[in-house]
Amino acid sequence: MSKFDYFVIFAEMRTGSNYLEANINHFDGLTCHGEAFNPSFIGYPQVDNILGIALEQREGDPGALINAIKAADGLAGFRFFGDHDPRALEICLADPRCAKVVLTRNPIDSFVSWKIAKATGQWKLTNATHAKSEHVHFDADEFETFLARVQLFQTQLLNQLQRTGQTAFYLAYDDLSDVEVMNGLASFLGCNDRLTSLDRKLKKQNPEASIDKVVNPADMEAALARLDRFNLNRTPNFEPRRGPMIPAYMAAPESGLLYLPLRGGLDHRVGDWLAAVDGKSRSALKTKFTQKTLRQWKRDHVGHRSFAVLRHPVVRAHHAFCTHVLFDGPRNFPKIRETLRKVHKLPIPQEPLLKRNLKGYDINAHHNAFLAFLGFLKHNLSAQTAVRIDPAWASQLSILQGMAQFGLPDVILREERLVSDLDFLGSQVGLNNLPVMPPDEDVETTLLAEVYDAAVEKAAQEAYARDYLAFGFAGWA
């Protein structure tokens, strides 16, 4: 029994997908039905159906065409580009019975070839004497947009295959001229037939080097030199992917305001303010949502607004250190605290301190301990420690990315502008004369002001490089 019910070739225009399809169709038992999910046509231009499924029926139910391809004789499939029907992509990627073939080509070659095909109107060549060629203008901005789109699609494919434990058969443009590679593809698809030669009907168009096909080669060289092909300036991200922490969301008792916490010390103050908006106590807040109850709350509060609040990384890290490591209390992490002392050598007392009694623990000790904690965070957020990356100190960017899986907040506010920004937010849901956000009078703030210096700021920037870059944080003041 074959391990696949159908196959899909993931490619882009001008990657050789027509030639690949032609060779696949030479194998006994394999059939490729063209661009089955091209938004403009079905299969091929001038064709009105695939296996009896017309364009209109495909638009209404892409799954019907996939089912028809699965039911066809032998093993059938189709070509799929990044701008084809995303509904079909979702079905294919999730299905381990769908064989995935990924065809790639040097992006600059694909781009220049695409420009020439657009200029000449010649998308296929079967007779070399009819070849059309034209030198085209290279547009750097257009190429960068093209490259970003191609890379996004390839990353999407790779990530989904990783998450579902699947693998694909990868082909580069140059592989298409190797009959043994084509036979290897047939083997991957479960086909026993083998080719002794490749299809010769389709001819390579414009075989010259890409640099020789443009009218402004110097501009192209300069643009390609400027591109960071290897993404050297990327800030690596080793934090685990997070889901939305919906049970922690807070809604006003009556008004259509929803708070999406990023953790880090603001939740209590914002919660008090949110309850006071409707003249209620904190116990009246709507909390412990599920996805189902949150959707219902949104339906019941038409015109609602949701918000999150960014906190400066130094303040947020200091809160996590004080709350979960240094001070005694219900939110202290005793096992992590012990690991930080013994393994990571944090210079903190053996027992947690009382928040209002720091006897024997002076400012110099706190400065050294907080600096050491920031050093630990740098390694922890880079997945270099055995300690979990807790939401209390995870990057705010990663938490927002997790929220996006259900829905991003309408606005992302900043702690230092909360008073004016919350007034503006309230006005959007028809609220006036809002209560003032209670001031931050915690002992942590006083402690941080006494120990903050250039060394602390530098350590925070090293630990939270992604947050500093994403949100433009400057030094804390």
Protein backbone atom coordinates (compact mmCIF):
# COMPACT_ATOMS: atom_id res chain seq x y z
CA MET A 1 0.00 0.00 0.00
CA SER A 2 1.34 3.43 -0.96
CA LYS A 3 2.15 5.78 1.89
CA PHE A 4 0.71 8.71 -0.08
CA ASP A 5 -2.73 9.48 -1.52
CA TYR A 6 -1.60 12.46 -3.64
CA PHE A 7 1.30 14.88 -4.00
CA VAL A 8 1.92 18.60 -4.22
CA ILE A 9 4.89 20.43 -5.73
CA PHE A 10 5.63 23.62 -3.81
CA ALA A 11 7.40 26.08 -6.08
CA GLU A 12 7.29 29.60 -7.51
CA MET A 13 7.13 30.96 -11.01
CA ARG A 14 10.33 30.53 -13.03
CA THR A 15 11.75 27.75 -10.87
CA GLY A 16 11.41 25.01 -13.50
CA SER A 17 8.10 23.63 -12.23
CA ASN A 18 6.75 23.15 -15.77
CA TYR A 19 9.76 21.02 -16.67
CA LEU A 20 9.43 19.05 -13.43
CA GLU A 21 5.77 18.39 -14.15
CA ALA A 22 6.56 17.23 -17.70
CA ASN A 23 9.01 14.65 -16.38
CA ILE A 24 6.70 13.47 -13.61
CA ASN A 25 4.02 12.83 -16.21
CA HIS A 26 6.42 10.48 -18.04
CA PHE A 27 6.35 8.06 -15.12
CA ASP A 28 3.78 5.31 -15.40
CA GLY A 29 1.28 5.85 -12.60
CA LEU A 30 2.12 9.52 -11.82
CA THR A 31 0.05 12.49 -13.03
CA CYS A 32 0.50 16.18 -12.27
CA HIS A 33 -2.50 18.42 -12.96
CA GLY A 34 -0.76 21.78 -13.29
CA GLU A 35 -1.57 24.76 -11.08
CA ALA A 36 -4.75 23.33 -9.63
CA PHE A 37 -5.29 26.23 -7.24
CA ASN A 38 -4.11 29.20 -9.28
CA PRO A 39 -6.59 32.01 -8.46
CA SER A 40 -6.96 32.92 -12.15
CA PHE A 41 -7.52 29.48 -13.68
CA ILE A 42 -7.74 25.80 -12.85
CA GLY A 43 -4.78 23.68 -13.88
CA TYR A 44 -3.76 25.54 -17.01
CA PRO A 45 -4.96 28.62 -18.95
CA GLN A 46 -7.79 27.74 -21.35
CA VAL A 47 -8.72 24.63 -19.29
CA ASP A 48 -12.14 24.67 -17.63
CA ASN A 49 -11.91 21.72 -15.21
CA ILE A 50 -9.71 19.14 -13.54
CA LEU A 51 -11.22 15.66 -13.19
CA GLY A 52 -14.67 17.14 -13.64
CA ILE A 53 -14.22 19.87 -11.02
CA ALA A 54 -14.78 23.31 -12.58
CA LEU A 55 -13.28 26.60 -11.40
CA GLU A 56 -16.50 27.78 -9.73
CA GLN A 57 -16.87 24.53 -7.80
CA ARG A 58 -13.21 24.68 -6.73
CA GLU A 59 -13.67 28.22 -5.43
CA GLY A 60 -16.61 27.14 -3.31
CA ASP A 61 -14.97 23.98 -2.01
CA PRO A 62 -11.21 23.49 -2.55
CA GLY A 63 -11.41 20.22 -0.68
CA ALA A 64 -13.62 18.77 -3.43
CA LEU A 65 -10.80 19.13 -5.97
CA ILE A 66 -8.27 17.61 -3.59
CA ASN A 67 -10.62 14.66 -3.02
CA ALA A 68 -11.00 14.20 -6.78
CA ILE A 69 -7.21 14.19 -7.20
CA LYS A 70 -6.87 11.66 -4.38
CA ALA A 71 -9.46 9.42 -6.06
CA ALA A 72 -7.79 9.55 -9.50
CA ASP A 73 -6.03 6.53 -10.95
CA GLY A 74 -2.42 6.10 -9.88
CA LEU A 75 -0.90 8.88 -7.81
CA ALA A 76 -1.94 12.37 -8.86
CA GLY A 77 -0.93 15.81 -7.70
CA PHE A 78 -0.50 19.44 -8.64
CA ARG A 79 1.83 22.42 -8.47
CA PHE A 80 1.28 25.05 -5.76
CA PHE A 81 2.81 28.54 -5.58
CA GLY A 82 2.89 30.95 -2.66
CA ASP A 83 0.02 33.06 -4.02
CA HIS A 84 -2.35 30.14 -4.62
CA ASP A 85 -5.45 29.33 -2.55
CA PRO A 86 -4.39 29.29 1.15
CA ARG A 87 -7.34 27.02 2.00
CA ALA A 88 -5.82 24.29 -0.13
CA LEU A 89 -2.42 24.87 1.47
CA GLU A 90 -3.90 24.36 4.92
CA ILE A 91 -5.42 21.03 3.87
CA CYS A 92 -2.24 19.73 2.22
CA LEU A 93 0.24 20.75 4.90
CA ALA A 94 -1.78 19.09 7.64
CA ASP A 95 -2.16 15.82 5.72
CA PRO A 96 0.70 13.29 6.14
CA ARG A 97 -0.85 11.29 3.27
CA CYS A 98 0.05 14.17 0.95
CA ALA A 99 3.59 13.87 -0.44
CA LYS A 100 5.41 17.19 -0.40
CA VAL A 101 7.95 18.11 -3.08
CA VAL A 102 9.74 21.44 -2.60
CA LEU A 103 11.37 22.99 -5.67
CA THR A 104 13.64 26.03 -5.27
CA ARG A 105 15.88 28.16 -7.44
CA ASN A 106 18.37 30.95 -6.82
CA PRO A 107 15.96 33.87 -6.18
CA ILE A 108 17.84 36.33 -8.38
CA ASP A 109 17.67 33.91 -11.32
CA SER A 110 13.95 33.39 -10.77
CA PHE A 111 13.34 37.13 -10.48
CA VAL A 112 15.22 38.08 -13.65
CA SER A 113 13.62 35.22 -15.57
CA TRP A 114 10.20 36.38 -14.40
CA LYS A 115 10.92 39.94 -15.52
CA ILE A 116 11.98 38.71 -18.96
CA ALA A 117 8.91 36.48 -19.31
CA LYS A 118 6.68 39.44 -18.42
CA ALA A 119 8.45 41.64 -20.95
CA THR A 120 8.39 39.09 -23.80
CA GLY A 121 5.14 37.27 -22.99
CA GLN A 122 6.95 33.94 -23.43
CA TRP A 123 6.44 31.68 -20.43
CA LYS A 124 7.33 28.34 -22.09
CA LEU A 125 9.73 27.41 -24.87
CA THR A 126 9.49 24.24 -26.97
CA ASN A 127 11.44 25.40 -30.01
CA ALA A 128 14.71 27.25 -29.50
CA THR A 129 14.33 29.07 -32.82
CA HIS A 130 11.30 30.85 -31.39
CA ALA A 131 13.11 32.05 -28.29
CA LYS A 132 12.45 35.64 -27.26
CA SER A 133 14.94 37.55 -25.18
CA GLU A 134 15.10 41.02 -23.76
CA HIS A 135 17.33 42.87 -21.35
CA VAL A 136 15.30 44.09 -18.39
CA HIS A 137 15.75 46.78 -15.76
CA PHE A 138 16.64 45.51 -12.29
CA ASP A 139 14.62 47.22 -9.55
CA ALA A 140 16.17 46.67 -6.10
CA ASP A 141 13.00 47.44 -4.13
CA GLU A 142 10.95 45.12 -6.32
CA PHE A 143 13.48 42.33 -5.85
CA GLU A 144 13.56 42.74 -2.08
CA THR A 145 9.75 42.48 -1.97
CA PHE A 146 9.91 39.39 -4.18
CA LEU A 147 12.62 37.82 -2.01
CA ALA A 148 10.75 38.48 1.23
CA ARG A 149 7.61 36.84 -0.15
CA VAL A 150 9.50 33.75 -1.33
CA GLN A 151 11.37 33.38 1.97
CA LEU A 152 8.16 33.78 3.98
CA PHE A 153 6.48 30.99 2.01
CA GLN A 154 9.49 28.68 2.37
CA THR A 155 9.64 29.34 6.11
CA GLN A 156 5.93 28.61 6.44
CA LEU A 157 6.38 25.27 4.69
CA LEU A 158 9.39 24.31 6.78
CA ASN A 159 7.82 25.23 10.11
CA GLN A 160 4.58 23.37 9.42
CA LEU A 161 6.43 20.25 8.33
CA GLN A 162 8.55 20.42 11.49
CA ARG A 163 5.52 20.83 13.73
CA THR A 164 3.71 17.86 12.19
CA GLY A 165 6.72 15.56 11.97
CA GLN A 166 6.68 15.38 8.18
CA THR A 167 9.44 15.55 5.61
CA ALA A 168 9.58 16.66 2.00
CA PHE A 169 11.58 15.78 -1.11
CA TYR A 170 13.72 18.84 -1.88
CA LEU A 171 14.80 19.76 -5.40
CA ALA A 172 16.93 22.62 -6.66
CA TYR A 173 16.58 23.99 -10.16
CA ASP A 174 19.82 22.34 -11.27
CA ASP A 175 18.58 18.93 -10.07
CA LEU A 176 15.95 18.89 -12.79
CA SER A 177 18.49 17.88 -15.42
CA ASP A 178 19.57 14.76 -13.50
CA VAL A 179 17.58 11.69 -14.49
CA GLU A 180 18.74 9.82 -11.37
CA VAL A 181 17.33 12.54 -9.16
CA MET A 182 14.03 12.28 -11.04
CA ASN A 183 14.04 8.55 -10.45
CA GLY A 184 14.75 9.22 -6.78
CA LEU A 185 11.66 11.43 -6.69
CA ALA A 186 9.63 8.62 -8.22
CA SER A 187 10.89 6.29 -5.51
CA PHE A 188 9.93 8.82 -2.83
CA LEU A 189 6.41 8.94 -4.31
CA GLY A 190 6.16 5.16 -4.26
CA CYS A 191 6.36 4.72 -8.04
CA ASN A 192 8.30 1.71 -9.37
CA ASP A 193 8.72 3.04 -12.91
CA ARG A 194 12.06 4.56 -13.89
CA LEU A 195 13.14 6.90 -16.68
CA THR A 196 16.19 6.41 -18.89
CA SER A 197 16.08 9.99 -20.23
CA LEU A 198 14.33 13.24 -19.48
CA ASP A 199 11.69 15.16 -21.39
CA ARG A 200 13.29 17.25 -24.13
CA LYS A 201 10.27 19.19 -25.34
CA LEU A 202 10.66 22.13 -23.00
CA LYS A 203 13.78 24.19 -23.55
CA LYS A 204 15.65 26.36 -21.09
CA GLN A 205 14.92 30.02 -21.72
CA ASN A 206 17.62 32.71 -21.53
CA PRO A 207 20.52 30.48 -20.39
CA GLU A 208 22.90 33.41 -19.88
CA ALA A 209 24.01 34.55 -16.43
CA SER A 210 21.49 36.84 -14.71
CA ILE A 211 23.98 39.70 -14.60
CA ASP A 212 24.07 39.63 -18.41
CA LYS A 213 20.29 39.86 -18.74
CA VAL A 214 19.80 43.28 -17.16
CA VAL A 215 20.43 46.76 -18.53
CA ASN A 216 21.82 48.03 -15.21
CA PRO A 217 24.19 45.30 -13.94
CA ALA A 218 26.09 47.70 -11.67
CA ASP A 219 22.88 48.59 -9.83
CA MET A 220 22.07 44.91 -9.43
CA GLU A 221 25.50 44.12 -8.02
CA ALA A 222 25.26 47.01 -5.56
CA ALA A 223 21.77 45.96 -4.41
CA LEU A 224 22.75 42.33 -3.93
CA ALA A 225 25.86 43.34 -2.00
CA ARG A 226 23.67 45.41 0.31
CA LEU A 227 21.27 42.55 1.03
CA ASP A 228 22.06 40.61 4.20
CA ARG A 229 21.70 37.22 2.52
CA PHE A 230 22.78 35.31 5.59
CA ASN A 231 20.73 37.48 7.99
CA LEU A 232 23.86 38.37 9.94
CA ASN A 233 22.13 41.09 11.96
CA ARG A 234 19.26 38.90 13.10
CA THR A 235 18.86 38.65 16.85
CA PRO A 236 18.56 34.89 17.48
CA ASN A 237 15.37 33.74 19.18
CA PHE A 238 15.53 30.57 21.25
CA GLU A 239 12.46 31.22 23.38
CA PRO A 240 9.73 28.58 23.19
CA ARG A 241 6.70 29.41 21.08
CA ARG A 242 3.89 30.44 23.38
CA GLY A 243 0.16 30.26 23.10
CA PRO A 244 -2.17 33.04 24.22
CA MET A 245 -2.53 33.07 28.02
CA ILE A 246 -6.27 33.65 27.80
CA PRO A 247 -7.11 32.60 31.41
CA ALA A 248 -5.02 35.57 32.60
CA TYR A 249 -6.97 38.14 30.54
CA MET A 250 -9.05 40.64 32.53
CA ALA A 251 -12.23 42.41 31.43
CA ALA A 252 -13.95 45.34 33.13
CA PRO A 253 -17.02 44.29 35.14
CA GLU A 254 -19.41 46.00 32.71
CA SER A 255 -17.57 48.13 30.15
CA GLY A 256 -16.03 46.82 26.95
CA LEU A 257 -12.40 47.01 28.03
CA LEU A 258 -10.16 43.94 27.97
CA TYR A 259 -6.62 43.81 29.41
CA LEU A 260 -4.11 41.31 27.95
CA PRO A 261 -1.29 41.00 30.52
CA LEU A 262 2.34 40.75 29.50
CA ARG A 263 3.23 39.87 33.08
CA GLY A 264 5.90 41.82 34.85
CA GLY A 265 4.32 43.71 37.76
CA LEU A 266 1.59 45.87 36.23
CA ASP A 267 -1.29 43.43 36.44
CA HIS A 268 -2.45 44.38 39.94
CA ARG A 269 -2.47 48.13 39.26
CA VAL A 270 -4.16 47.78 35.90
CA GLY A 271 -6.68 45.34 37.36
CA ASP A 272 -7.60 47.79 40.13
CA TRP A 273 -8.03 50.55 37.55
CA LEU A 274 -10.12 48.33 35.28
CA ALA A 275 -12.50 47.50 38.12
CA ALA A 276 -12.72 51.14 39.20
CA VAL A 277 -13.80 52.12 35.67
CA ASP A 278 -17.21 50.67 36.53
CA GLY A 279 -17.08 51.68 40.18
CA LYS A 280 -16.49 48.12 41.32
CA SER A 281 -13.95 46.27 43.43
CA ARG A 282 -11.28 44.08 41.93
CA SER A 283 -13.29 40.94 42.69
CA ALA A 284 -15.86 42.05 40.10
CA LEU A 285 -13.40 41.73 37.20
CA LYS A 286 -14.21 39.14 34.52
CA THR A 287 -11.30 36.65 34.50
CA LYS A 288 -10.45 32.98 33.91
CA PHE A 289 -11.59 33.12 30.31
CA THR A 290 -11.48 30.22 27.91
CA GLN A 291 -11.39 30.78 24.16
CA LYS A 292 -15.12 30.03 24.08
CA THR A 293 -16.08 32.42 26.89
CA LEU A 294 -13.78 35.13 25.56
CA ARG A 295 -15.45 34.96 22.15
CA GLN A 296 -18.82 35.22 23.86
CA TRP A 297 -17.64 38.23 25.89
CA LYS A 298 -16.58 39.93 22.66
CA ARG A 299 -19.96 39.22 21.06
CA ASP A 300 -21.69 40.68 24.12
CA HIS A 301 -19.53 43.83 24.06
CA VAL A 302 -19.73 45.14 20.53
CA GLY A 303 -17.24 47.99 20.10
CA HIS A 304 -14.91 46.56 22.77
CA ARG A 305 -11.26 47.53 22.97
CA SER A 306 -8.38 45.36 24.17
CA PHE A 307 -4.98 46.54 25.31
CA ALA A 308 -1.61 45.38 26.56
CA VAL A 309 1.00 47.45 28.40
CA LEU A 310 4.72 47.36 27.68
CA ARG A 311 7.10 47.83 30.58
CA HIS A 312 10.74 48.82 30.31
CA PRO A 313 12.86 45.62 30.34
CA VAL A 314 14.95 46.84 33.30
CA VAL A 315 11.84 47.44 35.41
CA ARG A 316 10.23 44.19 34.34
CA ALA A 317 13.34 42.11 35.02
CA HIS A 318 13.77 43.79 38.40
CA HIS A 319 10.17 42.97 39.31
CA ALA A 320 10.69 39.33 38.34
CA PHE A 321 13.89 39.17 40.39
CA CYS A 322 12.32 40.71 43.49
CA THR A 323 9.00 38.86 43.31
CA HIS A 324 10.09 35.37 42.30
CA VAL A 325 13.65 35.16 43.66
CA LEU A 326 14.62 37.71 46.29
CA PHE A 327 11.56 38.35 48.45
CA ASP A 328 9.48 35.91 50.44
CA GLY A 329 5.86 35.58 49.42
CA PRO A 330 3.30 33.41 47.60
CA ARG A 331 4.89 34.08 44.20
CA ASN A 332 8.43 33.13 45.20
CA PHE A 333 9.89 30.27 43.11
CA PRO A 334 11.81 28.31 45.78
CA LYS A 335 13.24 25.59 43.49
CA ILE A 336 14.37 28.07 40.87
CA ARG A 337 15.74 30.30 43.61
CA GLU A 338 17.85 27.43 44.95
CA THR A 339 19.13 26.60 41.45
CA LEU A 340 20.09 30.22 40.89
CA ARG A 341 22.05 30.25 44.14
CA LYS A 342 23.82 26.92 43.73
CA VAL A 343 24.26 26.53 39.98
CA HIS A 344 24.30 30.10 38.69
CA LYS A 345 25.99 31.53 41.80
CA LEU A 346 23.58 34.42 42.36
CA PRO A 347 24.83 36.31 45.44
CA ILE A 348 21.52 36.25 47.31
CA PRO A 349 20.77 35.27 50.92
CA GLN A 350 20.06 31.63 51.63
CA GLU A 351 16.51 32.45 52.70
CA PRO A 352 14.11 34.88 50.93
CA LEU A 353 13.98 38.37 52.41
CA LEU A 354 10.97 40.07 53.86
CA LYS A 355 9.96 42.87 51.52
CA ARG A 356 9.77 45.48 54.28
CA ASN A 357 12.81 44.28 56.19
CA LEU A 358 16.08 44.17 54.26
CA LYS A 359 18.28 43.90 57.31
CA GLY A 360 21.75 42.67 56.36
CA TYR A 361 21.15 43.24 52.65
CA ASP A 362 22.46 46.60 51.44
CA ILE A 363 22.29 48.44 48.11
CA ASN A 364 25.67 47.16 46.92
CA ALA A 365 24.54 43.60 47.54
CA HIS A 366 21.32 44.27 45.64
CA HIS A 367 23.19 45.82 42.72
CA ASN A 368 25.46 42.78 42.43
CA ALA A 369 22.61 40.31 42.82
CA PHE A 370 20.42 42.03 40.19
CA LEU A 371 23.33 42.22 37.74
CA ALA A 372 23.91 38.49 38.23
CA PHE A 373 20.21 37.82 37.62
CA LEU A 374 20.34 39.78 34.36
CA GLY A 375 23.35 37.69 33.35
CA PHE A 376 21.32 34.56 34.09
CA LEU A 377 18.43 35.92 31.96
CA LYS A 378 20.76 36.39 29.01
CA HIS A 379 21.60 32.68 29.08
CA ASN A 380 18.09 31.57 30.04
CA LEU A 381 16.39 33.42 27.17
CA SER A 382 18.97 31.89 24.81
CA ALA A 383 17.96 28.38 25.98
CA GLN A 384 21.36 27.82 27.62
CA THR A 385 20.05 26.85 31.06
CA ALA A 386 17.93 24.06 32.49
CA VAL A 387 15.62 26.58 34.15
CA ARG A 388 12.29 27.16 32.38
CA ILE A 389 11.73 30.46 30.58
CA ASP A 390 8.92 31.67 32.79
CA PRO A 391 6.34 34.17 31.43
CA ALA A 392 7.34 36.47 34.30
CA TRP A 393 10.64 37.21 32.55
CA ALA A 394 10.08 35.99 28.98
CA SER A 395 10.47 38.68 26.36
CA GLN A 396 7.39 40.81 25.82
CA LEU A 397 7.73 40.23 22.09
CA SER A 398 7.39 36.46 22.51
CA ILE A 399 4.28 36.90 24.67
CA LEU A 400 2.69 39.20 22.09
CA GLN A 401 3.49 36.67 19.36
CA GLY A 402 1.70 34.05 21.43
CA MET A 403 -1.32 36.31 21.79
CA ALA A 404 -1.45 36.71 18.02
CA GLN A 405 -2.52 33.07 17.67
CA PHE A 406 -5.92 34.08 19.05
CA GLY A 407 -5.93 37.84 18.50
CA LEU A 408 -3.64 40.80 19.08
CA PRO A 409 -4.64 43.67 21.38
CA ASP A 410 -6.18 46.71 19.69
CA VAL A 411 -3.49 48.91 21.22
CA ILE A 412 -0.14 48.36 22.94
CA LEU A 413 0.40 51.05 25.55
CA ARG A 414 3.53 52.08 27.45
CA GLU A 415 3.75 52.22 31.24
CA GLU A 416 5.19 55.73 31.25
CA ARG A 417 2.17 57.09 29.32
CA LEU A 418 -0.58 55.08 30.96
CA VAL A 419 -2.52 58.00 32.48
CA SER A 420 -3.12 59.80 29.19
CA ASP A 421 -3.33 56.67 27.04
CA LEU A 422 -5.96 55.00 29.22
CA ASP A 423 -8.08 58.15 29.09
CA PHE A 424 -7.91 58.02 25.30
CA LEU A 425 -8.71 54.30 25.26
CA GLY A 426 -11.72 54.81 27.55
CA SER A 427 -13.09 57.51 25.30
CA GLN A 428 -13.19 54.99 22.44
CA VAL A 429 -15.78 52.94 24.33
CA GLY A 430 -17.73 55.98 25.53
CA LEU A 431 -16.22 56.32 29.00
CA ASN A 432 -15.45 59.74 30.51
CA ASN A 433 -14.12 60.92 33.89
CA LEU A 434 -12.11 57.77 34.28
CA PRO A 435 -10.33 56.98 37.54
CA VAL A 436 -6.63 57.80 37.75
CA MET A 437 -4.24 54.88 37.57
CA PRO A 438 -2.91 54.27 41.09
CA PRO A 439 0.75 55.31 41.45
CA ASP A 440 3.56 52.81 41.67
CA GLU A 441 4.61 53.03 45.31
CA ASP A 442 6.21 49.61 45.62
CA VAL A 443 9.50 49.25 47.45
CA GLU A 444 10.90 47.63 44.27
CA THR A 445 10.81 50.98 42.47
CA THR A 446 12.86 52.67 45.18
CA LEU A 447 15.36 49.83 45.16
CA LEU A 448 15.76 49.92 41.40
CA ALA A 449 16.33 53.68 41.38
CA GLU A 450 19.20 53.18 43.82
CA VAL A 451 20.97 50.41 41.91
CA TYR A 452 20.30 51.40 38.30
CA ASP A 453 23.42 52.39 36.36
CA ALA A 454 25.10 51.88 33.00
CA ALA A 455 26.13 48.32 33.90
CA VAL A 456 22.53 47.36 34.70
CA GLU A 457 21.29 48.93 31.48
CA LYS A 458 23.94 47.15 29.41
CA ALA A 459 23.11 43.79 30.99
CA ALA A 460 19.39 44.32 30.36
CA GLN A 461 20.01 45.19 26.72
CA GLU A 462 22.05 42.02 26.28
CA ALA A 463 19.33 39.88 27.87
CA TYR A 464 16.41 41.53 26.08
CA ALA A 465 17.97 42.48 22.74
CA ARG A 466 14.80 41.50 20.84
CA ASP A 467 12.55 43.70 22.99
CA TYR A 468 14.90 46.68 22.76
CA LEU A 469 15.02 46.34 18.99
CA ALA A 470 11.31 45.62 18.46
CA PHE A 471 9.95 48.36 20.71
CA GLY A 472 12.67 50.99 20.58
CA PHE A 473 13.40 51.09 24.31
CA ALA A 474 16.02 53.59 25.42
CA GLY A 475 17.78 53.66 28.79
CA TRP A 476 15.50 53.62 31.82
CA ALA A 477 15.07 56.84 33.72
